[in-house]
Each structure stands twice: as structure tokens, then as C-alpha cells.
Amino acid sequence: MNDPCPVCGLIFQREEGYFLGSMYTSYILSCGLLTVFYVIAAALMPGWNSILIALAAMLPFLPLLPAVFRYSRVTWIYFERAVCPSDISAGPYEKHVQRENHSRQGT
């Protein structure tokens, strides 16, 4: 993931541990998808053991892991920016990078 946005210069990681909240978002997305896949697999294989159905439900989920990872981070950025739109919570490194980006864009 880029440190600042190459288009607008937005610093994605405002502080150390910034994307910890995206892990919760990823968990929610994963649980939702796995529940849907489990219900579909249980409907298609009614006599199977529940553990085998869960394993069968994970097969279509595995290719979606990179998308879940990416969209959980994007969702977290949107949520966090809505709650705190300014960069007041950014750490010193992030503020330094932001100043450098603004000076590069100005020249």
C-alpha cells in the first residue's frame, strides 16, 4: 500500500497501529461472507457433516481474501476520516511526510 496517496497526497497511516480497526472490519466482512457460503454449501450438500460443509464454504472464500483485506482498510479509512477529518491525530513522521508532499506538489 502506498504511504501517501499518489494523487492527492493523503497519508493513509496517520499513526502507528492505525489499521488495527481495519482488522475488526475484516473480521465482520469475513464472517458475513463465510456465513453466506456456509448456508449455500449446507443447502447444496444436505447430508454432509458440518465440518466438511465449513471446509467446502472456505473454498470460494479463499480467493476473496485479498479483496477483503483491501476493502477492510478502505472502509476503515472512510470511517476514521468521517470521525476525525483533520490530521490532528497524525504522528510526527506522518506530518513530516505530509509537509514534504505539499512542498513537492507546490514546485
PDB file of N, CA and C in Angstrom:
ATOM      1  N   MET A   1       0.848  -1.174   0.000  1.00  0.00           N
ATOM      2  CA  MET A   1       0.000   0.000   0.000  1.00  0.00           C
ATOM      3  C   MET A   1       0.894   1.237   0.000  1.00  0.00           C
ATOM      4  N   ASN A   2       0.542   2.191  -0.805  1.00  0.00           N
ATOM      5  CA  ASN A   2       1.317   3.424  -0.868  1.00  0.00           C
ATOM      6  C   ASN A   2       1.279   4.134   0.478  1.00  0.00           C
ATOM      7  N   ASP A   3       2.382   4.805   0.833  1.00  0.00           N
ATOM      8  CA  ASP A   3       2.396   5.567   2.081  1.00  0.00           C
ATOM      9  C   ASP A   3       1.487   6.785   1.947  1.00  0.00           C
ATOM     10  N   PRO A   4       1.767   7.703   1.020  1.00  0.00           N
ATOM     11  CA  PRO A   4       0.751   8.721   0.737  1.00  0.00           C
ATOM     12  C   PRO A   4       0.039   8.362  -0.569  1.00  0.00           C
ATOM     13  N   CYS A   5      -1.142   8.900  -0.736  1.00  0.00           N
ATOM     14  CA  CYS A   5      -1.876   8.708  -1.995  1.00  0.00           C
ATOM     15  C   CYS A   5      -1.100   9.398  -3.109  1.00  0.00           C
ATOM     16  N   PRO A   6      -0.837   8.707  -4.232  1.00  0.00           N
ATOM     17  CA  PRO A   6      -0.076   9.341  -5.305  1.00  0.00           C
ATOM     18  C   PRO A   6      -0.829  10.479  -5.996  1.00  0.00           C
ATOM     19  N   VAL A   7      -2.138  10.546  -5.836  1.00  0.00           N
ATOM     20  CA  VAL A   7      -2.922  11.583  -6.497  1.00  0.00           C
ATOM     21  C   VAL A   7      -3.097  12.811  -5.613  1.00  0.00           C
ATOM     22  N   CYS A   8      -3.599  12.595  -4.371  1.00  0.00           N
ATOM     23  CA  CYS A   8      -3.938  13.745  -3.526  1.00  0.00           C
ATOM     24  C   CYS A   8      -2.976  13.960  -2.364  1.00  0.00           C
ATOM     25  N   GLY A   9      -2.056  13.008  -2.112  1.00  0.00           N
ATOM     26  CA  GLY A   9      -1.096  13.168  -1.032  1.00  0.00           C
ATOM     27  C   GLY A   9      -1.622  12.799   0.344  1.00  0.00           C
ATOM     28  N   LEU A  10      -2.809  12.191   0.420  1.00  0.00           N
ATOM     29  CA  LEU A  10      -3.377  11.782   1.699  1.00  0.00           C
ATOM     30  C   LEU A  10      -2.505  10.712   2.337  1.00  0.00           C
ATOM     31  N   ILE A  11      -2.182  10.897   3.603  1.00  0.00           N
ATOM     32  CA  ILE A  11      -1.393   9.909   4.331  1.00  0.00           C
ATOM     33  C   ILE A  11      -2.353   8.861   4.865  1.00  0.00           C
ATOM     34  N   PHE A  12      -2.164   7.625   4.426  1.00  0.00           N
ATOM     35  CA  PHE A  12      -3.094   6.574   4.815  1.00  0.00           C
ATOM     36  C   PHE A  12      -2.902   6.158   6.268  1.00  0.00           C
ATOM     37  N   GLN A  13      -1.681   5.986   6.698  1.00  0.00           N
ATOM     38  CA  GLN A  13      -1.416   5.551   8.063  1.00  0.00           C
ATOM     39  C   GLN A  13      -1.088   6.776   8.898  1.00  0.00           C
ATOM     40  N   ARG A  14      -2.061   7.289   9.615  1.00  0.00           N
ATOM     41  CA  ARG A  14      -1.881   8.529  10.360  1.00  0.00           C
ATOM     42  C   ARG A  14      -0.985   8.361  11.576  1.00  0.00           C
ATOM     43  N   GLU A  15      -1.029   7.198  12.194  1.00  0.00           N
ATOM     44  CA  GLU A  15      -0.246   6.951  13.402  1.00  0.00           C
ATOM     45  C   GLU A  15       0.102   5.471  13.447  1.00  0.00           C
ATOM     46  N   GLU A  16       0.996   5.119  14.332  1.00  0.00           N
ATOM     47  CA  GLU A  16       1.388   3.722  14.473  1.00  0.00           C
ATOM     48  C   GLU A  16       0.193   2.905  14.963  1.00  0.00           C
ATOM     49  N   GLY A  17      -0.066   1.790  14.316  1.00  0.00           N
ATOM     50  CA  GLY A  17      -1.202   0.948  14.683  1.00  0.00           C
ATOM     51  C   GLY A  17      -2.519   1.458  14.151  1.00  0.00           C
ATOM     52  N   TYR A  18      -2.485   2.316  13.142  1.00  0.00           N
ATOM     53  CA  TYR A  18      -3.688   2.951  12.599  1.00  0.00           C
ATOM     54  C   TYR A  18      -4.681   1.931  12.053  1.00  0.00           C
ATOM     55  N   PHE A  19      -4.177   0.884  11.417  1.00  0.00           N
ATOM     56  CA  PHE A  19      -5.065  -0.067  10.761  1.00  0.00           C
ATOM     57  C   PHE A  19      -5.525  -1.196  11.678  1.00  0.00           C
ATOM     58  N   LEU A  20      -5.365  -1.040  12.973  1.00  0.00           N
ATOM     59  CA  LEU A  20      -5.878  -2.034  13.910  1.00  0.00           C
ATOM     60  C   LEU A  20      -7.395  -2.145  13.780  1.00  0.00           C
ATOM     61  N   GLY A  21      -8.067  -1.038  13.588  1.00  0.00           N
ATOM     62  CA  GLY A  21      -9.519  -1.058  13.414  1.00  0.00           C
ATOM     63  C   GLY A  21      -9.960  -1.772  12.153  1.00  0.00           C
ATOM     64  N   SER A  22      -9.101  -1.788  11.136  1.00  0.00           N
ATOM     65  CA  SER A  22      -9.468  -2.489   9.907  1.00  0.00           C
ATOM     66  C   SER A  22      -9.490  -3.998  10.115  1.00  0.00           C
ATOM     67  N   MET A  23      -8.808  -4.478  11.145  1.00  0.00           N
ATOM     68  CA  MET A  23      -8.881  -5.912  11.448  1.00  0.00           C
ATOM     69  C   MET A  23     -10.297  -6.275  11.894  1.00  0.00           C
ATOM     70  N   TYR A  24     -10.944  -5.411  12.644  1.00  0.00           N
ATOM     71  CA  TYR A  24     -12.327  -5.661  13.046  1.00  0.00           C
ATOM     72  C   TYR A  24     -13.249  -5.624  11.828  1.00  0.00           C
ATOM     73  N   THR A  25     -13.015  -4.683  10.945  1.00  0.00           N
ATOM     74  CA  THR A  25     -13.794  -4.595   9.722  1.00  0.00           C
ATOM     75  C   THR A  25     -13.590  -5.840   8.870  1.00  0.00           C
ATOM     76  N   SER A  26     -12.359  -6.299   8.774  1.00  0.00           N
ATOM     77  CA  SER A  26     -12.058  -7.519   8.032  1.00  0.00           C
ATOM     78  C   SER A  26     -12.764  -8.715   8.647  1.00  0.00           C
ATOM     79  N   TYR A  27     -12.791  -8.779   9.957  1.00  0.00           N
ATOM     80  CA  TYR A  27     -13.471  -9.875  10.650  1.00  0.00           C
ATOM     81  C   TYR A  27     -14.963  -9.871  10.326  1.00  0.00           C
ATOM     82  N   ILE A  28     -15.581  -8.711  10.337  1.00  0.00           N
ATOM     83  CA  ILE A  28     -17.017  -8.607  10.051  1.00  0.00           C
ATOM     84  C   ILE A  28     -17.296  -9.015   8.604  1.00  0.00           C
ATOM     85  N   LEU A  29     -16.491  -8.515   7.666  1.00  0.00           N
ATOM     86  CA  LEU A  29     -16.666  -8.896   6.260  1.00  0.00           C
ATOM     87  C   LEU A  29     -16.477 -10.397   6.061  1.00  0.00           C
ATOM     88  N   SER A  30     -15.458 -10.951   6.690  1.00  0.00           N
ATOM     89  CA  SER A  30     -15.182 -12.382   6.546  1.00  0.00           C
ATOM     90  C   SER A  30     -16.302 -13.223   7.142  1.00  0.00           C
ATOM     91  N   CYS A  31     -16.785 -12.840   8.294  1.00  0.00           N
ATOM     92  CA  CYS A  31     -17.885 -13.590   8.915  1.00  0.00           C
ATOM     93  C   CYS A  31     -19.136 -13.556   8.044  1.00  0.00           C
ATOM     94  N   GLY A  32     -19.427 -12.411   7.480  1.00  0.00           N
ATOM     95  CA  GLY A  32     -20.590 -12.302   6.595  1.00  0.00           C
ATOM     96  C   GLY A  32     -20.460 -13.183   5.368  1.00  0.00           C
ATOM     97  N   LEU A  33     -19.306 -13.114   4.715  1.00  0.00           N
ATOM     98  CA  LEU A  33     -19.100 -13.932   3.519  1.00  0.00           C
ATOM     99  C   LEU A  33     -19.097 -15.427   3.837  1.00  0.00           C
ATOM    100  N   LEU A  34     -18.416 -15.803   4.901  1.00  0.00           N
ATOM    101  CA  LEU A  34     -18.366 -17.220   5.261  1.00  0.00           C
ATOM    102  C   LEU A  34     -19.739 -17.742   5.674  1.00  0.00           C
ATOM    103  N   THR A  35     -20.549 -16.924   6.311  1.00  0.00           N
ATOM    104  CA  THR A  35     -21.901 -17.345   6.665  1.00  0.00           C
ATOM    105  C   THR A  35     -22.730 -17.597   5.412  1.00  0.00           C
ATOM    106  N   VAL A  36     -22.643 -16.698   4.461  1.00  0.00           N
ATOM    107  CA  VAL A  36     -23.376 -16.883   3.200  1.00  0.00           C
ATOM    108  C   VAL A  36     -22.894 -18.147   2.483  1.00  0.00           C
ATOM    109  N   PHE A  37     -21.587 -18.328   2.399  1.00  0.00           N
ATOM    110  CA  PHE A  37     -21.052 -19.512   1.724  1.00  0.00           C
ATOM    111  C   PHE A  37     -21.425 -20.788   2.471  1.00  0.00           C
ATOM    112  N   TYR A  38     -21.463 -20.732   3.792  1.00  0.00           N
ATOM    113  CA  TYR A  38     -21.829 -21.914   4.585  1.00  0.00           C
ATOM    114  C   TYR A  38     -23.287 -22.291   4.348  1.00  0.00           C
ATOM    115  N   VAL A  39     -24.171 -21.297   4.325  1.00  0.00           N
ATOM    116  CA  VAL A  39     -25.590 -21.566   4.102  1.00  0.00           C
ATOM    117  C   VAL A  39     -25.806 -22.154   2.703  1.00  0.00           C
ATOM    118  N   ILE A  40     -25.122 -21.608   1.722  1.00  0.00           N
ATOM    119  CA  ILE A  40     -25.237 -22.141   0.360  1.00  0.00           C
ATOM    120  C   ILE A  40     -24.702 -23.570   0.294  1.00  0.00           C
ATOM    121  N   ALA A  41     -23.550 -23.805   0.912  1.00  0.00           N
ATOM    122  CA  ALA A  41     -22.970 -25.154   0.899  1.00  0.00           C
ATOM    123  C   ALA A  41     -23.859 -26.136   1.650  1.00  0.00           C
ATOM    124  N   ALA A  42     -24.465 -25.710   2.752  1.00  0.00           N
ATOM    125  CA  ALA A  42     -25.355 -26.597   3.509  1.00  0.00           C
ATOM    126  C   ALA A  42     -26.605 -26.929   2.712  1.00  0.00           C
ATOM    127  N   ALA A  43     -27.074 -25.958   1.911  1.00  0.00           N
ATOM    128  CA  ALA A  43     -28.250 -26.221   1.081  1.00  0.00           C
ATOM    129  C   ALA A  43     -27.914 -27.165  -0.077  1.00  0.00           C
ATOM    130  N   LEU A  44     -26.711 -27.069  -0.594  1.00  0.00           N
ATOM    131  CA  LEU A  44     -26.312 -27.920  -1.720  1.00  0.00           C
ATOM    132  C   LEU A  44     -25.906 -29.324  -1.280  1.00  0.00           C
ATOM    133  N   MET A  45     -25.441 -29.468  -0.039  1.00  0.00           N
ATOM    134  CA  MET A  45     -24.968 -30.771   0.466  1.00  0.00           C
ATOM    135  C   MET A  45     -25.666 -31.079   1.788  1.00  0.00           C
ATOM    136  N   PRO A  46     -26.952 -31.445   1.766  1.00  0.00           N
ATOM    137  CA  PRO A  46     -27.721 -31.570   3.000  1.00  0.00           C
ATOM    138  C   PRO A  46     -27.293 -32.703   3.930  1.00  0.00           C
ATOM    139  N   GLY A  47     -26.721 -33.776   3.445  1.00  0.00           N
ATOM    140  CA  GLY A  47     -26.388 -34.895   4.312  1.00  0.00           C
ATOM    141  C   GLY A  47     -24.965 -34.878   4.843  1.00  0.00           C
ATOM    142  N   TRP A  48     -24.214 -33.847   4.544  1.00  0.00           N
ATOM    143  CA  TRP A  48     -22.788 -33.810   4.908  1.00  0.00           C
ATOM    144  C   TRP A  48     -22.598 -33.397   6.362  1.00  0.00           C
ATOM    145  N   ASN A  49     -21.439 -33.741   6.878  1.00  0.00           N
ATOM    146  CA  ASN A  49     -21.002 -33.334   8.216  1.00  0.00           C
ATOM    147  C   ASN A  49     -20.781 -31.814   8.222  1.00  0.00           C
ATOM    148  N   SER A  50     -21.052 -31.144   9.336  1.00  0.00           N
ATOM    149  CA  SER A  50     -20.928 -29.679   9.387  1.00  0.00           C
ATOM    150  C   SER A  50     -19.484 -29.219   9.194  1.00  0.00           C
ATOM    151  N   ILE A  51     -18.514 -30.015   9.613  1.00  0.00           N
ATOM    152  CA  ILE A  51     -17.111 -29.636   9.418  1.00  0.00           C
ATOM    153  C   ILE A  51     -16.759 -29.682   7.930  1.00  0.00           C
ATOM    154  N   LEU A  52     -17.244 -30.678   7.231  1.00  0.00           N
ATOM    155  CA  LEU A  52     -16.996 -30.750   5.783  1.00  0.00           C
ATOM    156  C   LEU A  52     -17.699 -29.615   5.045  1.00  0.00           C
ATOM    157  N   ILE A  53     -18.874 -29.250   5.509  1.00  0.00           N
ATOM    158  CA  ILE A  53     -19.580 -28.114   4.897  1.00  0.00           C
ATOM    159  C   ILE A  53     -18.794 -26.823   5.133  1.00  0.00           C
ATOM    160  N   ALA A  54     -18.235 -26.650   6.334  1.00  0.00           N
ATOM    161  CA  ALA A  54     -17.435 -25.454   6.620  1.00  0.00           C
ATOM    162  C   ALA A  54     -16.189 -25.413   5.746  1.00  0.00           C
ATOM    163  N   LEU A  55     -15.552 -26.559   5.554  1.00  0.00           N
ATOM    164  CA  LEU A  55     -14.381 -26.598   4.660  1.00  0.00           C
ATOM    165  C   LEU A  55     -14.769 -26.298   3.224  1.00  0.00           C
ATOM    166  N   ALA A  56     -15.908 -26.808   2.805  1.00  0.00           N
ATOM    167  CA  ALA A  56     -16.391 -26.518   1.451  1.00  0.00           C
ATOM    168  C   ALA A  56     -16.741 -25.041   1.300  1.00  0.00           C
ATOM    169  N   ALA A  57     -17.221 -24.418   2.374  1.00  0.00           N
ATOM    170  CA  ALA A  57     -17.559 -22.988   2.327  1.00  0.00           C
ATOM    171  C   ALA A  57     -16.309 -22.125   2.253  1.00  0.00           C
ATOM    172  N   MET A  58     -15.191 -22.629   2.752  1.00  0.00           N
ATOM    173  CA  MET A  58     -13.955 -21.842   2.720  1.00  0.00           C
ATOM    174  C   MET A  58     -13.327 -21.803   1.326  1.00  0.00           C
ATOM    175  N   LEU A  59     -13.605 -22.776   0.500  1.00  0.00           N
ATOM    176  CA  LEU A  59     -13.001 -22.810  -0.841  1.00  0.00           C
ATOM    177  C   LEU A  59     -13.338 -21.580  -1.685  1.00  0.00           C
ATOM    178  N   PRO A  60     -14.608 -21.160  -1.789  1.00  0.00           N
ATOM    179  CA  PRO A  60     -14.853 -19.933  -2.567  1.00  0.00           C
ATOM    180  C   PRO A  60     -14.414 -18.667  -1.844  1.00  0.00           C
ATOM    181  N   PHE A  61     -14.184 -18.773  -0.523  1.00  0.00           N
ATOM    182  CA  PHE A  61     -13.772 -17.596   0.244  1.00  0.00           C
ATOM    183  C   PHE A  61     -12.287 -17.280   0.073  1.00  0.00           C
ATOM    184  N   LEU A  62     -11.461 -18.293  -0.072  1.00  0.00           N
ATOM    185  CA  LEU A  62     -10.005 -18.089  -0.134  1.00  0.00           C
ATOM    186  C   LEU A  62      -9.560 -17.121  -1.236  1.00  0.00           C
ATOM    187  N   PRO A  63     -10.113 -17.208  -2.455  1.00  0.00           N
ATOM    188  CA  PRO A  63      -9.681 -16.219  -3.468  1.00  0.00           C
ATOM    189  C   PRO A  63     -10.115 -14.786  -3.148  1.00  0.00           C
ATOM    190  N   LEU A  64     -11.075 -14.649  -2.252  1.00  0.00           N
ATOM    191  CA  LEU A  64     -11.563 -13.309  -1.903  1.00  0.00           C
ATOM    192  C   LEU A  64     -10.775 -12.651  -0.781  1.00  0.00           C
ATOM    193  N   LEU A  65      -9.825 -13.353  -0.189  1.00  0.00           N
ATOM    194  CA  LEU A  65      -9.055 -12.793   0.933  1.00  0.00           C
ATOM    195  C   LEU A  65      -8.333 -11.488   0.587  1.00  0.00           C
ATOM    196  N   PRO A  66      -7.662 -11.378  -0.562  1.00  0.00           N
ATOM    197  CA  PRO A  66      -7.028 -10.079  -0.869  1.00  0.00           C
ATOM    198  C   PRO A  66      -8.034  -8.935  -0.974  1.00  0.00           C
ATOM    199  N   ALA A  67      -9.213  -9.214  -1.538  1.00  0.00           N
ATOM    200  CA  ALA A  67     -10.235  -8.168  -1.645  1.00  0.00           C
ATOM    201  C   ALA A  67     -10.767  -7.787  -0.273  1.00  0.00           C
ATOM    202  N   VAL A  68     -10.970  -8.765   0.604  1.00  0.00           N
ATOM    203  CA  VAL A  68     -11.434  -8.475   1.961  1.00  0.00           C
ATOM    204  C   VAL A  68     -10.403  -7.623   2.689  1.00  0.00           C
ATOM    205  N   PHE A  69      -9.130  -7.970   2.539  1.00  0.00           N
ATOM    206  CA  PHE A  69      -8.060  -7.199   3.170  1.00  0.00           C
ATOM    207  C   PHE A  69      -8.073  -5.749   2.689  1.00  0.00           C
ATOM    208  N   ARG A  70      -8.146  -5.574   1.383  1.00  0.00           N
ATOM    209  CA  ARG A  70      -8.109  -4.226   0.808  1.00  0.00           C
ATOM    210  C   ARG A  70      -9.337  -3.408   1.190  1.00  0.00           C
ATOM    211  N   TYR A  71     -10.525  -4.006   1.049  1.00  0.00           N
ATOM    212  CA  TYR A  71     -11.745  -3.256   1.330  1.00  0.00           C
ATOM    213  C   TYR A  71     -11.944  -3.002   2.815  1.00  0.00           C
ATOM    214  N   SER A  72     -11.382  -3.843   3.666  1.00  0.00           N
ATOM    215  CA  SER A  72     -11.469  -3.543   5.098  1.00  0.00           C
ATOM    216  C   SER A  72     -10.621  -2.322   5.434  1.00  0.00           C
ATOM    217  N   ARG A  73      -9.472  -2.187   4.787  1.00  0.00           N
ATOM    218  CA  ARG A  73      -8.645  -0.998   5.011  1.00  0.00           C
ATOM    219  C   ARG A  73      -9.310   0.262   4.462  1.00  0.00           C
ATOM    220  N   VAL A  74      -9.892   0.143   3.277  1.00  0.00           N
ATOM    221  CA  VAL A  74     -10.568   1.291   2.671  1.00  0.00           C
ATOM    222  C   VAL A  74     -11.759   1.714   3.525  1.00  0.00           C
ATOM    223  N   THR A  75     -12.538   0.736   3.988  1.00  0.00           N
ATOM    224  CA  THR A  75     -13.686   1.039   4.847  1.00  0.00           C
ATOM    225  C   THR A  75     -13.241   1.710   6.130  1.00  0.00           C
ATOM    226  N   TRP A  76     -12.129   1.225   6.700  1.00  0.00           N
ATOM    227  CA  TRP A  76     -11.620   1.829   7.936  1.00  0.00           C
ATOM    228  C   TRP A  76     -11.159   3.271   7.695  1.00  0.00           C
ATOM    229  N   ILE A  77     -10.504   3.520   6.575  1.00  0.00           N
ATOM    230  CA  ILE A  77     -10.062   4.886   6.268  1.00  0.00           C
ATOM    231  C   ILE A  77     -11.270   5.812   6.144  1.00  0.00           C
ATOM    232  N   TYR A  78     -12.320   5.366   5.423  1.00  0.00           N
ATOM    233  CA  TYR A  78     -13.521   6.196   5.284  1.00  0.00           C
ATOM    234  C   TYR A  78     -14.167   6.462   6.637  1.00  0.00           C
ATOM    235  N   PHE A  79     -14.279   5.423   7.459  1.00  0.00           N
ATOM    236  CA  PHE A  79     -14.886   5.594   8.780  1.00  0.00           C
ATOM    237  C   PHE A  79     -14.071   6.551   9.637  1.00  0.00           C
ATOM    238  N   GLU A  80     -12.771   6.339   9.692  1.00  0.00           N
ATOM    239  CA  GLU A  80     -11.920   7.154  10.557  1.00  0.00           C
ATOM    240  C   GLU A  80     -11.851   8.594  10.074  1.00  0.00           C
ATOM    241  N   ARG A  81     -11.836   8.792   8.764  1.00  0.00           N
ATOM    242  CA  ARG A  81     -11.821  10.162   8.230  1.00  0.00           C
ATOM    243  C   ARG A  81     -13.144  10.870   8.481  1.00  0.00           C
ATOM    244  N   ALA A  82     -14.243  10.130   8.542  1.00  0.00           N
ATOM    245  CA  ALA A  82     -15.536  10.745   8.853  1.00  0.00           C
ATOM    246  C   ALA A  82     -15.585  11.166  10.318  1.00  0.00           C
ATOM    247  N   VAL A  83     -14.960  10.390  11.192  1.00  0.00           N
ATOM    248  CA  VAL A  83     -14.963  10.695  12.616  1.00  0.00           C
ATOM    249  C   VAL A  83     -13.995  11.833  12.933  1.00  0.00           C
ATOM    250  N   CYS A  84     -12.798  11.788  12.330  1.00  0.00           N
ATOM    251  CA  CYS A  84     -11.774  12.802  12.610  1.00  0.00           C
ATOM    252  C   CYS A  84     -11.165  13.258  11.275  1.00  0.00           C
ATOM    253  N   PRO A  85     -11.775  14.241  10.607  1.00  0.00           N
ATOM    254  CA  PRO A  85     -11.309  14.626   9.274  1.00  0.00           C
ATOM    255  C   PRO A  85      -9.963  15.345   9.238  1.00  0.00           C
ATOM    256  N   SER A  86      -9.548  15.945  10.342  1.00  0.00           N
ATOM    257  CA  SER A  86      -8.272  16.655  10.315  1.00  0.00           C
ATOM    258  C   SER A  86      -7.130  15.685  10.584  1.00  0.00           C
ATOM    259  N   ASP A  87      -5.919  16.123  10.392  1.00  0.00           N
ATOM    260  CA  ASP A  87      -4.746  15.292  10.644  1.00  0.00           C
ATOM    261  C   ASP A  87      -4.178  15.551  12.037  1.00  0.00           C
ATOM    262  N   ILE A  88      -5.019  15.951  12.966  1.00  0.00           N
ATOM    263  CA  ILE A  88      -4.538  16.267  14.303  1.00  0.00           C
ATOM    264  C   ILE A  88      -4.000  15.031  15.024  1.00  0.00           C
ATOM    265  N   SER A  89      -4.511  13.855  14.671  1.00  0.00           N
ATOM    266  CA  SER A  89      -4.057  12.623  15.332  1.00  0.00           C
ATOM    267  C   SER A  89      -2.829  12.023  14.657  1.00  0.00           C
ATOM    268  N   ALA A  90      -2.358  12.631  13.586  1.00  0.00           N
ATOM    269  CA  ALA A  90      -1.187  12.099  12.888  1.00  0.00           C
ATOM    270  C   ALA A  90       0.067  12.256  13.742  1.00  0.00           C
ATOM    271  N   GLY A  91       0.947  11.286  13.624  1.00  0.00           N
ATOM    272  CA  GLY A  91       2.199  11.331  14.360  1.00  0.00           C
ATOM    273  C   GLY A  91       3.206  12.241  13.683  1.00  0.00           C
ATOM    274  N   PRO A  92       4.378  12.450  14.289  1.00  0.00           N
ATOM    275  CA  PRO A  92       5.382  13.352  13.720  1.00  0.00           C
ATOM    276  C   PRO A  92       5.880  12.906  12.356  1.00  0.00           C
ATOM    277  N   TYR A  93       6.076  11.596  12.157  1.00  0.00           N
ATOM    278  CA  TYR A  93       6.551  11.118  10.850  1.00  0.00           C
ATOM    279  C   TYR A  93       5.523  11.412   9.775  1.00  0.00           C
ATOM    280  N   GLU A  94       4.259  11.148  10.060  1.00  0.00           N
ATOM    281  CA  GLU A  94       3.208  11.366   9.074  1.00  0.00           C
ATOM    282  C   GLU A  94       3.072  12.852   8.742  1.00  0.00           C
ATOM    283  N   LYS A  95       3.204  13.708   9.745  1.00  0.00           N
ATOM    284  CA  LYS A  95       3.137  15.151   9.481  1.00  0.00           C
ATOM    285  C   LYS A  95       4.328  15.609   8.638  1.00  0.00           C
ATOM    286  N   HIS A  96       5.489  15.024   8.884  1.00  0.00           N
ATOM    287  CA  HIS A  96       6.674  15.353   8.095  1.00  0.00           C
ATOM    288  C   HIS A  96       6.477  14.920   6.636  1.00  0.00           C
ATOM    289  N   VAL A  97       5.968  13.725   6.414  1.00  0.00           N
ATOM    290  CA  VAL A  97       5.717  13.238   5.059  1.00  0.00           C
ATOM    291  C   VAL A  97       4.687  14.111   4.365  1.00  0.00           C
ATOM    292  N   GLN A  98       3.671  14.523   5.108  1.00  0.00           N
ATOM    293  CA  GLN A  98       2.650  15.379   4.524  1.00  0.00           C
ATOM    294  C   GLN A  98       3.236  16.734   4.097  1.00  0.00           C
ATOM    295  N   ARG A  99       4.107  17.311   4.920  1.00  0.00           N
ATOM    296  CA  ARG A  99       4.751  18.584   4.552  1.00  0.00           C
ATOM    297  C   ARG A  99       5.610  18.409   3.311  1.00  0.00           C
ATOM    298  N   GLU A 100       6.357  17.296   3.239  1.00  0.00           N
ATOM    299  CA  GLU A 100       7.185  17.031   2.054  1.00  0.00           C
ATOM    300  C   GLU A 100       6.329  16.905   0.801  1.00  0.00           C
ATOM    301  N   ASN A 101       5.210  16.222   0.914  1.00  0.00           N
ATOM    302  CA  ASN A 101       4.321  16.048  -0.244  1.00  0.00           C
ATOM    303  C   ASN A 101       3.751  17.381  -0.704  1.00  0.00           C
ATOM    304  N   HIS A 102       3.351  18.223   0.245  1.00  0.00           N
ATOM    305  CA  HIS A 102       2.824  19.529  -0.121  1.00  0.00           C
ATOM    306  C   HIS A 102       3.892  20.409  -0.765  1.00  0.00           C
ATOM    307  N   SER A 103       5.129  20.307  -0.280  1.00  0.00           N
ATOM    308  CA  SER A 103       6.190  21.120  -0.877  1.00  0.00           C
ATOM    309  C   SER A 103       6.533  20.614  -2.277  1.00  0.00           C
ATOM    310  N   ARG A 104       6.476  19.304  -2.490  1.00  0.00           N
ATOM    311  CA  ARG A 104       6.733  18.756  -3.841  1.00  0.00           C
ATOM    312  C   ARG A 104       5.639  19.132  -4.813  1.00  0.00           C
ATOM    313  N   GLN A 105       4.396  19.141  -4.343  1.00  0.00           N
ATOM    314  CA  GLN A 105       3.292  19.488  -5.223  1.00  0.00           C
ATOM    315  C   GLN A 105       3.284  20.966  -5.565  1.00  0.00           C
ATOM    316  N   GLY A 106       3.839  21.788  -4.676  1.00  0.00           N
ATOM    317  CA  GLY A 106       3.878  23.224  -4.922  1.00  0.00           C
ATOM    318  C   GLY A 106       4.952  23.629  -5.907  1.00  0.00           C
ATOM    319  N   THR A 107       5.982  22.770  -6.103  1.00  0.00           N
ATOM    320  CA  THR A 107       7.058  23.123  -7.021  1.00  0.00           C
ATOM    321  C   THR A 107       6.905  22.476  -8.342  1.00  0.00           C
TER     322      THR A 107
END
